[in-house]
Protein backbone atom coordinates (compact mmCIF):
# COMPACT_ATOMS: atom_id res chain seq x y z
CA UNK A 1 24.40 37.11 -2.89
CA UNK A 2 25.58 38.31 0.65
CA UNK A 3 24.72 42.00 1.26
CA UNK A 4 27.86 44.12 2.60
CA UNK A 5 27.85 47.60 3.97
CA UNK A 6 28.37 50.51 1.52
CA UNK A 7 31.50 52.98 2.50
CA UNK A 8 28.95 55.82 1.33
CA UNK A 9 25.60 54.32 3.03
CA UNK A 10 27.22 52.93 6.09
CA UNK A 11 30.25 54.33 7.04
CA UNK A 12 31.36 57.76 5.67
CA UNK A 13 27.82 59.56 5.35
CA UNK A 14 25.17 60.30 5.56
CA UNK A 15 25.70 64.07 4.66
CA UNK A 16 23.51 65.71 7.54
CA UNK A 17 23.40 68.62 10.19
CA UNK A 18 24.20 67.80 13.70
CA UNK A 19 24.29 66.90 16.54
CA UNK A 20 23.80 63.17 16.10
CA UNK A 21 23.56 60.85 12.95
CA UNK A 22 21.45 58.31 15.40
CA UNK A 23 19.13 60.95 16.41
CA UNK A 24 19.09 63.29 13.60
CA UNK A 25 19.98 61.77 10.22
CA UNK A 26 18.36 58.13 11.23
CA UNK A 27 14.90 60.07 12.29
CA UNK A 28 15.08 62.22 9.00
CA UNK A 29 15.41 59.09 6.85
CA UNK A 30 12.54 57.28 8.71
CA UNK A 31 10.29 60.38 8.76
CA UNK A 32 10.74 60.87 4.58
CA UNK A 33 10.12 57.33 4.08
CA UNK A 34 7.13 57.58 6.06
CA UNK A 35 5.87 60.69 3.94
CA UNK A 36 6.02 58.28 0.84
CA UNK A 37 3.94 55.79 2.63
CA UNK A 38 1.13 58.09 3.94
CA UNK A 39 1.10 59.55 0.20
CA UNK A 40 -0.39 62.86 0.63
CA UNK A 41 0.48 65.98 2.48
CA UNK A 42 0.79 66.00 6.29
CA UNK A 43 -1.91 67.43 8.48
CA UNK A 44 -0.94 66.09 11.84
CA UNK A 45 1.92 63.94 13.57
CA UNK A 46 2.03 62.32 16.95
CA UNK A 47 5.44 61.07 17.56
CA UNK A 48 6.29 58.95 20.64
CA UNK A 49 9.23 57.10 22.34
CA UNK A 50 9.16 54.21 24.57
CA UNK A 51 9.79 55.41 28.14
CA UNK A 52 12.41 52.71 28.49
CA UNK A 53 14.17 53.38 25.38
CA UNK A 54 17.51 55.49 24.76
CA UNK A 55 15.77 58.25 23.15
CA UNK A 56 13.36 59.26 25.62
CA UNK A 57 15.34 61.41 28.00
CA UNK A 58 17.34 63.23 25.07
CA UNK A 59 15.31 63.16 21.73
CA UNK A 60 15.02 67.18 21.66
CA UNK A 61 18.50 67.82 22.83
CA UNK A 62 20.25 65.20 20.30
CA UNK A 63 18.19 66.54 17.45
CA UNK A 64 15.63 63.72 16.88
CA UNK A 65 12.81 66.42 16.54
CA UNK A 66 14.90 68.34 14.12
CA UNK A 67 15.34 65.27 11.97
CA UNK A 68 11.76 63.99 11.99
CA UNK A 69 10.29 67.64 11.44
CA UNK A 70 12.46 67.91 8.62
CA UNK A 71 11.61 64.63 7.10
CA UNK A 72 8.10 64.92 7.42
CA UNK A 73 8.06 68.55 5.91
CA UNK A 74 10.21 67.17 3.07
CA UNK A 75 13.24 69.54 3.77
CA UNK A 76 16.70 68.48 2.60
CA UNK A 77 19.64 67.96 5.29
CA UNK A 78 21.73 70.48 3.28
CA UNK A 79 18.74 72.87 3.07
CA UNK A 80 19.24 76.08 5.80
CA UNK A 81 15.69 75.77 6.64
CA UNK A 82 16.52 72.76 8.40
CA UNK A 83 17.56 75.11 11.51
CA UNK A 84 13.85 76.36 11.77
CA UNK A 85 11.67 73.26 11.13
CA UNK A 86 9.29 73.94 14.06
CA UNK A 87 8.66 77.35 12.61
CA UNK A 88 8.30 76.23 9.13
CA UNK A 89 5.50 73.38 10.39
CA UNK A 90 3.66 76.19 12.03
CA UNK A 91 3.73 78.45 8.91
CA UNK A 92 2.35 75.35 6.78
CA UNK A 93 -0.30 74.64 9.48
CA UNK A 94 1.21 71.02 10.17
CA UNK A 95 0.95 70.06 13.96
CA UNK A 96 3.93 67.87 14.91
CA UNK A 97 3.42 66.54 18.51
CA UNK A 98 6.14 64.50 20.84
CA UNK A 99 5.47 62.29 23.50
CA UNK A 100 6.98 59.60 25.86
CA UNK A 101 4.66 56.58 26.12
CA UNK A 102 5.13 52.70 26.86
CA UNK A 103 5.00 50.30 23.88
CA UNK A 104 6.78 47.20 22.45
CA UNK A 105 10.03 47.41 20.92
CA UNK A 106 12.82 45.47 19.72
CA UNK A 107 15.61 48.08 19.52
CA UNK A 108 16.65 50.55 22.19
CA UNK A 109 16.47 53.54 19.55
CA UNK A 110 12.91 52.96 18.32
CA UNK A 111 10.40 55.86 17.45
CA UNK A 112 6.73 55.49 16.50
CA UNK A 113 5.05 57.97 14.10
CA UNK A 114 1.46 58.23 13.92
CA UNK A 115 0.67 60.52 11.03
CA UNK A 116 -2.90 61.84 9.26
CA UNK A 117 -2.65 63.53 5.92
CA UNK A 118 -4.81 66.43 4.71
CA UNK A 119 -7.46 63.77 3.03
CA UNK A 120 -7.85 62.04 5.99
CA UNK A 121 -5.26 58.94 5.41
CA UNK A 122 -3.78 57.82 8.84
CA UNK A 123 -0.78 55.44 9.12
CA UNK A 124 1.32 54.14 11.98
CA UNK A 125 5.15 53.54 11.47
CA UNK A 126 7.66 51.78 13.89
CA UNK A 127 11.30 52.64 12.92
CA UNK A 128 14.54 51.86 14.61
CA UNK A 129 17.90 53.75 14.32
CA UNK A 130 20.74 51.37 14.15
CA UNK A 131 23.77 53.50 14.47
CA UNK A 132 25.58 56.24 11.96
CA UNK A 133 22.23 57.19 10.31
CA UNK A 134 21.14 53.64 9.30
CA UNK A 135 17.49 53.25 9.86
CA UNK A 136 14.96 50.52 9.52
CA UNK A 137 11.15 50.77 9.40
CA UNK A 138 9.98 47.38 11.04
CA UNK A 139 6.29 48.00 11.18
CA UNK A 140 3.67 49.68 8.86
CA UNK A 141 0.06 49.62 10.25
CA UNK A 142 1.02 46.38 12.38
CA UNK A 143 2.40 44.65 9.36
CA UNK A 144 5.88 43.42 9.36
CA UNK A 145 8.35 45.03 6.80
CA UNK A 146 11.91 46.02 6.31
CA UNK A 147 12.53 49.19 4.79
CA UNK A 148 16.24 50.72 5.01
CA UNK A 149 16.22 53.04 2.35
CA UNK A 150 18.51 51.57 0.19
CA UNK A 151 16.17 50.04 -2.45
CA UNK A 152 13.21 51.53 -4.87
CA UNK A 153 10.36 49.78 -2.89
CA UNK A 154 6.65 49.04 -3.70
CA UNK A 155 4.20 47.91 -0.99
CA UNK A 156 1.29 46.05 -2.35
CA UNK A 157 -2.12 45.47 -0.16
CA UNK A 158 -4.25 42.45 -1.26
CA UNK A 159 -6.59 40.24 0.58
CA UNK A 160 -5.21 37.45 2.72
CA UNK A 161 -6.61 34.68 0.45
CA UNK A 162 -5.24 36.11 -2.82
CA UNK A 163 -1.93 34.67 -3.84
CA UNK A 164 -0.29 37.50 -6.05
CA UNK A 165 3.43 36.70 -5.78
CA UNK A 166 3.49 35.26 -9.29
CA UNK A 167 1.69 38.23 -10.76
CA UNK A 168 3.83 40.36 -8.91
CA UNK A 169 7.31 38.74 -10.24
CA UNK A 170 5.80 38.87 -13.74
CA UNK A 171 5.56 42.51 -13.39
CA UNK A 172 8.58 43.26 -11.71
CA UNK A 173 11.16 40.67 -13.63
CA UNK A 174 14.02 42.58 -11.96
CA UNK A 175 12.97 42.35 -8.34
CA UNK A 176 15.60 42.07 -5.69
CA UNK A 177 13.56 40.44 -3.35
CA UNK A 178 9.89 39.81 -2.64
CA UNK A 179 8.29 39.23 0.94
CA UNK A 180 5.02 39.12 2.75
CA UNK A 181 3.36 39.76 5.86
CA UNK A 182 -0.39 38.85 6.91
CA UNK A 183 -2.31 40.73 9.35
CA UNK A 184 -6.04 39.69 9.92
CA UNK A 185 -7.84 39.62 6.64
CA UNK A 186 -5.07 41.53 4.74
CA UNK A 187 -1.54 40.73 3.13
CA UNK A 188 1.35 43.05 2.25
CA UNK A 189 3.86 42.32 -0.42
CA UNK A 190 6.91 44.21 -0.03
CA UNK A 191 8.94 44.60 -3.31
CA UNK A 192 12.48 45.47 -3.47
CA UNK A 193 14.05 46.81 -6.84
CA UNK A 194 17.26 48.47 -7.70
CA UNK A 195 15.56 50.80 -10.08
CA UNK A 196 12.95 53.14 -10.11
CA UNK A 197 9.69 51.66 -10.65
CA UNK A 198 7.89 53.46 -14.12
CA UNK A 199 4.64 55.23 -13.63
CA UNK A 200 3.10 52.85 -16.09
CA UNK A 201 3.77 49.82 -14.18
CA UNK A 202 2.26 51.46 -10.84
CA UNK A 203 -0.91 52.54 -12.92
CA UNK A 204 -1.17 48.92 -13.97
CA UNK A 205 -0.86 47.79 -10.49
CA UNK A 206 -3.67 50.36 -9.45
CA UNK A 207 -6.23 48.95 -12.12
CA UNK A 208 -5.77 45.48 -10.68
CA UNK A 209 -8.83 44.43 -8.55
CA UNK A 210 -6.98 42.31 -6.46
CA UNK A 211 -4.01 44.71 -5.64
CA UNK A 212 -6.27 47.10 -3.16
CA UNK A 213 -3.47 49.68 -2.05
CA UNK A 214 -0.15 50.43 -4.18
CA UNK A 215 2.62 52.45 -2.54
CA UNK A 216 6.08 53.45 -3.80
CA UNK A 217 8.88 54.47 -1.41
CA UNK A 218 11.73 55.99 -2.68
CA UNK A 219 15.46 55.29 -1.41
CA UNK A 220 17.39 57.84 1.07
CA UNK A 221 20.61 56.69 0.71
CA UNK A 222 23.26 57.48 -2.10
CA UNK A 223 24.01 53.89 -3.22
CA UNK A 224 21.14 51.98 -4.24
CA UNK A 225 21.33 47.93 -3.38
CA UNK A 226 20.65 45.27 -5.65
CA UNK A 227 23.43 46.30 -8.12
CA UNK A 228 26.47 44.40 -6.33
CA UNK A 229 28.69 41.97 -8.22
CA UNK A 230 30.85 39.53 -6.30
CA UNK A 231 33.73 40.68 -4.27
CA UNK A 232 37.12 38.98 -4.92
CA UNK A 233 37.41 38.66 -1.03
CA UNK A 234 35.14 38.35 2.08
CA UNK A 235 37.14 38.40 5.27
CA UNK A 236 40.06 40.69 6.23
CA UNK A 237 42.77 38.15 5.81
CA UNK A 238 41.54 37.36 2.68
CA UNK A 239 41.32 41.08 1.57
CA UNK A 240 44.96 41.31 2.79
CA UNK A 241 45.82 38.32 0.48
CA UNK A 242 44.24 39.79 -2.32
CA UNK A 243 45.85 43.23 -1.98
CA UNK A 244 49.48 41.70 -1.37
CA UNK A 245 48.82 39.17 -4.49
CA UNK A 246 47.97 42.17 -6.72
CA UNK A 247 50.14 44.75 -5.29
CA UNK A 248 47.46 47.02 -3.92
CA UNK A 249 47.51 49.58 -1.09
CA UNK A 250 44.33 49.92 1.01
CA UNK A 251 43.01 52.82 -0.81
CA UNK A 252 43.11 51.06 -4.30
CA UNK A 253 41.36 47.97 -2.41
CA UNK A 254 38.65 50.39 -0.68
CA UNK A 255 37.80 52.06 -4.25
CA UNK A 256 37.75 48.57 -5.60
CA UNK A 257 35.31 47.51 -2.81
CA UNK A 258 32.94 50.17 -3.50
CA UNK A 259 32.91 49.87 -6.99
CA UNK A 260 31.72 46.04 -6.76
CA UNK A 261 29.44 46.97 -3.88
CA UNK A 262 27.58 49.68 -5.87
CA UNK A 263 27.73 48.53 -9.13
CA UNK A 264 29.09 52.15 -10.23
CA UNK A 265 31.87 52.77 -12.73
CA UNK A 266 35.23 53.48 -10.94
CA UNK A 267 35.20 57.07 -12.08
CA UNK A 268 31.59 57.74 -10.44
CA UNK A 269 32.75 56.05 -7.02
CA UNK A 270 35.74 58.70 -7.55
CA UNK A 271 33.43 61.32 -8.06
CA UNK A 272 31.18 60.49 -5.14
CA UNK A 273 34.04 60.41 -2.67
CA UNK A 274 35.44 63.67 -3.97
CA UNK A 275 32.12 65.41 -3.05
CA UNK A 276 31.87 63.77 0.40
CA UNK A 277 35.41 64.91 0.91
CA UNK A 278 34.76 68.41 -0.20
CA UNK A 279 31.99 68.52 2.25
CA UNK A 280 34.27 67.66 5.03
CA UNK A 281 37.02 69.72 4.19
CA UNK A 282 34.52 72.76 3.87
CA UNK A 283 32.99 72.01 7.35
CA UNK A 284 36.65 72.87 8.54
CA UNK A 285 36.87 75.88 6.96
CA UNK A 286 33.26 77.11 8.18
CA UNK A 287 34.56 76.12 11.87
CA UNK A 288 37.62 78.03 11.70
CA UNK A 289 35.68 80.94 10.44
CA UNK A 290 33.45 81.00 13.35
CA UNK A 291 30.23 79.49 14.21
CA UNK A 292 27.31 80.69 16.32
CA UNK A 293 24.61 78.65 17.39
CA UNK A 294 22.29 79.44 20.48
CA UNK A 295 21.58 76.29 21.91
CA UNK A 296 24.82 74.71 22.37
CA UNK A 297 27.58 74.28 25.50
CA UNK A 298 30.77 75.31 23.77
CA UNK A 299 31.61 78.44 21.95
CA UNK A 300 33.97 78.72 19.00
CA UNK A 301 37.31 77.47 20.39
CA UNK A 302 39.04 76.05 16.95
CA UNK A 303 40.87 79.56 16.67
CA UNK A 304 42.57 79.42 19.82
CA UNK A 305 45.20 77.22 18.80
CA UNK A 306 46.43 79.55 16.04
CA UNK A 307 46.27 82.34 18.60
CA UNK A 308 48.31 80.16 21.27
CA UNK A 309 50.74 79.10 18.64
CA UNK A 310 51.36 82.79 17.63
CA UNK A 311 51.94 84.00 21.35
CA UNK A 312 54.29 81.05 21.67
CA UNK A 313 52.23 79.59 24.56
CA UNK A 314 52.35 75.99 22.51
CA UNK A 315 54.49 73.85 20.17
CA UNK A 316 55.29 75.90 17.07
CA UNK A 317 54.59 74.57 13.67
CA UNK A 318 53.50 71.11 15.11
CA UNK A 319 51.17 68.68 13.41
CA UNK A 320 49.39 68.38 16.73
CA UNK A 321 48.35 71.81 16.74
CA UNK A 322 46.61 71.43 13.27
CA UNK A 323 44.99 68.13 14.21
CA UNK A 324 43.24 69.70 17.42
CA UNK A 325 42.20 72.78 15.38
CA UNK A 326 40.95 70.99 12.59
CA UNK A 327 39.13 68.34 14.58
CA UNK A 328 37.45 71.06 16.59
CA UNK A 329 36.55 73.15 13.65
CA UNK A 330 34.57 70.06 12.33
CA UNK A 331 32.78 69.32 15.65
CA UNK A 332 31.93 73.07 16.07
CA UNK A 333 30.47 73.08 12.40
CA UNK A 334 28.12 70.10 13.76
CA UNK A 335 27.05 71.73 17.05
CA UNK A 336 26.22 74.74 14.95
CA UNK A 337 23.93 72.73 12.75
CA UNK A 338 26.01 73.29 9.61
CA UNK A 339 26.42 70.69 7.10
CA UNK A 340 28.76 67.88 8.07
CA UNK A 341 29.42 64.06 7.16
CA UNK A 342 29.04 61.42 9.81
CA UNK A 343 32.42 59.80 9.57
CA UNK A 344 31.27 57.17 10.57
CA UNK A 345 28.62 59.05 12.78
CA UNK A 346 28.22 62.78 13.76
CA UNK A 347 29.18 62.37 17.30
CA UNK A 348 32.61 61.11 15.80
CA UNK A 349 32.77 63.39 12.74
CA UNK A 350 35.51 65.34 13.69
CA UNK A 351 38.73 62.54 14.08
CA UNK A 352 39.12 61.24 10.68
CA UNK A 353 38.73 64.67 8.50
CA UNK A 354 40.60 66.45 10.87
CA UNK A 355 43.63 64.50 11.42
CA UNK A 356 43.85 63.44 7.53
CA UNK A 357 43.95 67.05 6.48
CA UNK A 358 46.44 67.84 9.32
CA UNK A 359 48.89 64.94 8.14
CA UNK A 360 48.08 65.88 4.43
CA UNK A 361 49.19 69.50 5.27
CA UNK A 362 52.45 68.40 6.71
CA UNK A 363 53.71 66.01 4.11
CA UNK A 364 52.33 68.21 1.17
CA UNK A 365 50.16 65.31 -0.27
CA UNK A 366 47.70 65.98 -2.93
CA UNK A 367 43.83 65.94 -2.94
CA UNK A 368 43.95 62.82 -4.84
CA UNK A 369 46.17 61.25 -2.26
CA UNK A 370 43.61 62.44 0.48
CA UNK A 371 40.76 60.77 -1.59
CA UNK A 372 42.87 57.58 -1.56
CA UNK A 373 43.28 57.82 2.16
CA UNK A 374 39.18 58.23 2.73
CA UNK A 375 38.90 54.97 0.66
CA UNK A 376 41.29 53.09 3.04
CA UNK A 377 39.49 54.47 6.22
CA UNK A 378 35.96 53.63 4.67
CA UNK A 379 37.27 49.90 4.19
CA UNK A 380 38.15 49.79 7.79
CA UNK A 381 34.56 51.13 8.61
CA UNK A 382 33.02 48.58 6.42
CA UNK A 383 34.45 45.65 8.76
CA UNK A 384 33.30 47.60 11.61
CA UNK A 385 29.93 48.14 10.38
CA UNK A 386 29.72 44.28 9.62
CA UNK A 387 30.57 43.79 13.25
CA UNK A 388 29.08 45.60 16.21
CA UNK A 389 28.10 48.63 13.91
CA UNK A 390 28.11 52.24 15.04
CA UNK A 391 25.21 52.65 17.64
CA UNK A 392 26.61 54.24 20.82
CA UNK A 393 23.27 53.56 22.49
CA UNK A 394 24.06 49.82 22.20
CA UNK A 395 27.68 49.73 22.51
CA UNK A 396 29.17 52.94 24.08
CA UNK A 397 31.60 55.50 22.34
CA UNK A 398 33.96 52.69 21.45
CA UNK A 399 32.03 52.26 18.51
CA UNK A 400 32.01 55.94 17.34
CA UNK A 401 35.25 57.37 18.57
CA UNK A 402 37.00 54.06 18.67
CA UNK A 403 35.96 53.22 15.05
CA UNK A 404 36.87 56.60 13.76
CA UNK A 405 40.51 56.35 15.26
CA UNK A 406 40.74 52.62 13.34
CA UNK A 407 39.49 54.27 10.17
CA UNK A 408 41.75 57.60 10.47
CA UNK A 409 44.81 55.44 11.40
CA UNK A 410 44.38 53.38 8.14
CA UNK A 411 43.97 56.75 6.21
CA UNK A 412 47.14 58.02 7.82
CA UNK A 413 49.49 54.80 6.60
CA UNK A 414 47.90 55.29 3.39
CA UNK A 415 49.20 58.89 3.18
CA UNK A 416 52.35 57.63 4.33
CA UNK A 417 52.72 55.25 1.50
CA UNK A 418 52.18 52.08 3.68
CA UNK A 419 51.07 48.76 2.68
CA UNK A 420 47.36 47.35 3.08
CA UNK A 421 48.78 45.25 5.86
CA UNK A 422 50.45 48.17 7.62
CA UNK A 423 47.11 50.08 7.39
CA UNK A 424 45.11 47.42 8.81
CA UNK A 425 47.39 46.88 11.75
CA UNK A 426 47.20 50.52 12.35
CA UNK A 427 43.71 50.45 12.50
CA UNK A 428 43.54 47.40 14.94
CA UNK A 429 46.18 49.26 17.24
CA UNK A 430 44.06 52.40 17.28
CA UNK A 431 40.94 50.45 18.11
CA UNK A 432 42.67 48.64 20.88
CA UNK A 433 43.31 51.61 22.79
CA UNK A 434 39.69 52.77 22.61
CA UNK A 435 38.03 49.51 23.61
CA UNK A 436 35.44 50.10 26.61
CA UNK A 437 34.99 53.81 25.89
CA UNK A 438 31.68 55.05 27.14
CA UNK A 439 29.29 57.57 26.01
CA UNK A 440 28.55 60.38 28.47
CA UNK A 441 27.23 63.52 26.66
CA UNK A 442 27.09 66.32 29.01
CA UNK A 443 23.60 67.70 29.13
CA UNK A 444 22.91 65.38 26.33
CA UNK A 445 24.45 67.83 23.78
CA UNK A 446 27.05 65.73 21.64
CA UNK A 447 29.65 68.33 22.26
CA UNK A 448 31.60 67.61 25.58
CA UNK A 449 33.26 65.40 26.33
CA UNK A 450 32.63 64.46 22.69
CA UNK A 451 35.28 67.05 21.29
CA UNK A 452 37.89 65.68 23.66
CA UNK A 453 37.41 62.11 22.73
CA UNK A 454 37.40 63.07 18.99
CA UNK A 455 40.84 64.92 19.35
CA UNK A 456 42.22 61.93 21.31
CA UNK A 457 40.91 59.68 18.79
CA UNK A 458 42.51 61.62 15.89
CA UNK A 459 46.19 61.66 17.89
CA UNK A 460 45.56 58.03 18.73
CA UNK A 461 45.34 57.27 14.97
CA UNK A 462 48.56 59.35 14.22
CA UNK A 463 50.45 57.56 16.90
CA UNK A 464 49.19 54.27 15.75
CA UNK A 465 49.96 54.76 12.21
CA UNK A 466 53.45 56.11 13.17
CA UNK A 467 54.41 53.11 15.43
CA UNK A 468 53.19 50.74 12.51
CA UNK A 469 54.91 52.29 10.07
CA UNK A 470 57.94 52.36 12.34
CA UNK A 471 57.82 48.40 12.77
CA UNK A 472 55.91 48.07 16.00
CA UNK A 473 53.69 45.30 16.32
CA UNK A 474 49.98 45.43 16.46
CA UNK A 475 49.81 42.00 17.90
CA UNK A 476 45.87 41.35 18.05
CA UNK A 477 44.52 40.79 14.27
CA UNK A 478 41.89 43.47 13.53
CA UNK A 479 39.09 40.99 13.26
CA UNK A 480 39.68 39.70 16.70
CA UNK A 481 39.94 43.46 17.70
CA UNK A 482 36.12 44.09 16.40
CA UNK A 483 34.97 40.81 18.09
CA UNK A 484 36.34 42.00 21.38
CA UNK A 485 34.57 45.38 20.99
CA UNK A 486 31.31 43.39 20.83
CA UNK A 487 32.03 41.10 23.87
CA UNK A 488 32.89 44.22 25.94
CA UNK A 489 29.81 45.95 25.21
CA UNK A 490 27.88 43.14 26.61
CA UNK A 491 29.68 43.86 29.92
CA UNK A 492 29.00 47.57 29.85
CA UNK A 493 26.16 48.83 31.80
CA UNK A 494 23.27 50.82 29.78
CA UNK A 495 23.99 54.02 31.93
CA UNK A 496 27.10 54.60 29.96
CA UNK A 497 25.84 54.10 26.38
CA UNK A 498 24.25 57.55 25.47
CA UNK A 499 21.43 57.69 27.90
CA UNK A 500 22.66 60.58 29.85
CA UNK A 501 22.37 58.48 32.94
CA UNK A 502 26.01 57.69 33.78
CA UNK A 503 29.52 58.87 33.38
CA UNK A 504 30.24 62.76 33.24
CA UNK A 505 26.67 63.44 32.30
CA UNK A 506 25.66 62.78 35.88
CA UNK A 507 28.13 65.06 37.78
CA UNK A 508 27.08 67.91 39.81
CA UNK A 509 28.31 70.55 36.92
CA UNK A 510 26.95 68.47 34.26
CA UNK A 511 23.40 68.38 35.96
CA UNK A 512 23.74 72.21 36.60
CA UNK A 513 24.78 72.76 32.92
CA UNK A 514 21.53 70.89 31.74
CA UNK A 515 19.37 72.70 34.01
CA UNK A 516 20.79 75.94 32.94
CA UNK A 517 20.11 74.90 28.98
CA UNK A 518 16.73 73.66 29.78
CA UNK A 519 15.68 77.18 30.97
CA UNK A 520 16.71 78.82 27.48
């Protein structure tokens, strides 16, 4: 069965702390899985990045160290201790050291973790961040693996001459896949399962003479793979035909999609989305109430909108004001290392949540209406995830704020009571308006011009949804727009893809801000 993206795993999520999902959330997940592989408490860690990779110039500023430290120390992202990981590591007597070196990579966002446990076990892990918090461990002690954190996994080491495949299949009759990698005189089997491995099975494996080492790796994403059922549609057009034949709006189709994708009951999927949206709404409240964090460029500004409206400086009782305030509040929560939801990334987490809340307030939509709008937005994100994905280091901000604009536009049409086709057309129009958008964070902080781009994405979404509902023609189908994003990406120079080496990031003022921050 073809594996499709999950709304919760790949689009609206993960639940995390800022500033960057590619840096912070993905690195946390890689570190967390690495500790399962190590199988003992950590003593020392040497983490390094390739000098030619995208992370080398900004891994501290964009939160990679925060994520890795937290994952290595076993601290959950929602835990406030994530703000003090370096201090906690020192208290625990754990040494975590970061370096820039030169080594072979196959992805621009690659990290290498050399870990040593308190009992002397040492491992080397090579992992790549794929955008939006998605991660893939690609090597373990030189063996080729593919651990994305979406399965219960078992790694089994044997001698190269031993063929253990049939024995493994008999022990795991419900395995979803079995792969093997050979290095020198050893063979590594990688078993993927959709359900947790019992301790009894693991003990039985350890008793077998030919199985030299058994490692169990837990999933790190909310929806476990391997429980999917066949979707009634595949392409965007077949999805729209299905929606029209069954008289479903895009929100209903998005809910159905995630039900089929996760194997969960509809009520469970609804409950998951309710929890995620509640966190997004709470990040608006936290931002508006005031956030303080030392290592950031911009202070709290979201409260300025209400002050300006009260004093008559700007439009009165305008949805525009609420959009700007709510988007800003989410971004401020992220920059203050409060809990946010990558939507679809941390760098673009303000647009969807901010504009959907503002529009919902304006039309007095219910919370259930908002939940359905998020399913509509999530389904647009799924098709984007199947295309270029959400890595700004590969494609620029057109896959962050551009994707969020398309998602938000679909969600707004859903709130407006529009059809699935109208929601898809609004997404197409919104993304068209942001093709080629560069990623050039000032001083390597995901704050500016990111805040303005999130606000622009939100307003773009509102105008696109309004135009389509009024009868405007989006002209270019969504699938062709998404394909164009990928083709334009290939034409964009690397310096404007979140490297800090182009765009506004290298202006005189930006360089001065970076220098000033580095002295703190």
